[in-house]
Protein backbone atom coordinates (compact mmCIF):
# COMPACT_ATOMS: atom_id res chain seq x y z
CA MET A 1 5.99 23.94 -4.10
CA SER A 2 9.31 22.07 -3.60
CA LEU A 3 9.29 18.31 -2.20
CA THR A 4 12.32 16.39 -1.03
CA ASN A 5 12.27 12.56 -0.36
CA SER A 6 15.08 10.36 0.41
CA CYS A 7 15.60 6.66 -0.61
CA ASP A 8 18.80 4.23 -0.59
CA GLN A 9 18.31 3.53 -4.25
CA GLU A 10 17.56 5.55 -7.24
CA PRO A 11 13.82 5.22 -8.08
CA LEU A 12 12.09 3.60 -10.75
CA LYS A 13 9.84 5.64 -13.11
CA ASP A 14 6.94 4.78 -15.41
CA SER A 15 6.01 5.90 -18.64
CA ALA A 16 4.89 8.91 -17.48
CA ASP A 17 8.08 9.89 -15.90
CA ASP A 18 6.66 9.73 -12.34
CA PHE A 19 8.56 7.99 -9.74
CA LEU A 20 7.10 4.64 -8.89
CA THR A 21 6.91 3.01 -5.20
CA ARG A 22 9.22 0.37 -4.03
CA LYS A 23 6.74 -0.48 -1.25
CA LEU A 24 4.89 -4.10 -1.48
CA ASN A 25 1.44 -2.75 -1.11
CA ARG A 26 1.25 -0.36 -4.10
CA GLU A 27 -2.35 0.22 -3.84
CA ARG A 28 -1.72 1.95 -0.67
CA HIS A 29 1.32 3.70 -1.47
CA GLY A 30 2.52 6.41 -3.99
CA VAL A 31 -0.71 8.29 -3.28
CA GLY A 32 1.06 11.10 -1.90
CA GLN A 33 3.20 11.97 -5.11
CA LYS A 34 -0.03 11.50 -7.23
CA SER A 35 -2.38 13.79 -5.20
CA ILE A 36 0.94 16.58 -5.23
CA LYS A 37 1.06 16.02 -9.22
CA ARG A 38 -2.92 16.84 -9.55
CA ALA A 39 -2.75 19.64 -7.16
CA VAL A 40 0.07 21.26 -8.85
CA GLU A 41 -1.59 20.63 -12.28
CA LYS A 42 -5.06 21.98 -11.30
CA TYR A 43 -3.39 25.48 -10.14
CA GLY A 44 -1.16 25.79 -13.46
CA GLY A 45 2.01 24.74 -11.66
CA ASN A 46 5.12 22.73 -13.15
CA ILE A 47 6.75 19.53 -11.66
CA GLU A 48 10.20 18.63 -12.23
CA GLN A 49 11.51 15.32 -10.59
CA GLN A 50 15.05 14.16 -10.39
CA TYR A 51 17.38 12.04 -8.22
CA ASP A 52 20.69 13.10 -6.84
CA LYS A 53 22.95 9.92 -6.39
CA GLU A 54 25.49 11.78 -4.24
CA THR A 55 22.85 12.72 -1.49
CA CYS A 56 20.25 9.97 -2.25
CA LEU A 57 17.77 12.53 -2.29
CA TYR A 58 14.95 12.81 -5.16
CA ARG A 59 13.08 16.19 -5.65
């Protein structure tokens, strides 16, 4: 599975090395990334997240 998002600034990461949302209502945002991570782990997959400063994309 491949996921690519764009953002103007390098995303912040939490202690688990997951990207954090910058949206104000954090209870309602950032759920998509968590859902993807759970599904990938459930089926024995692997997640690698990185941010490319040149293209302003994180994958």
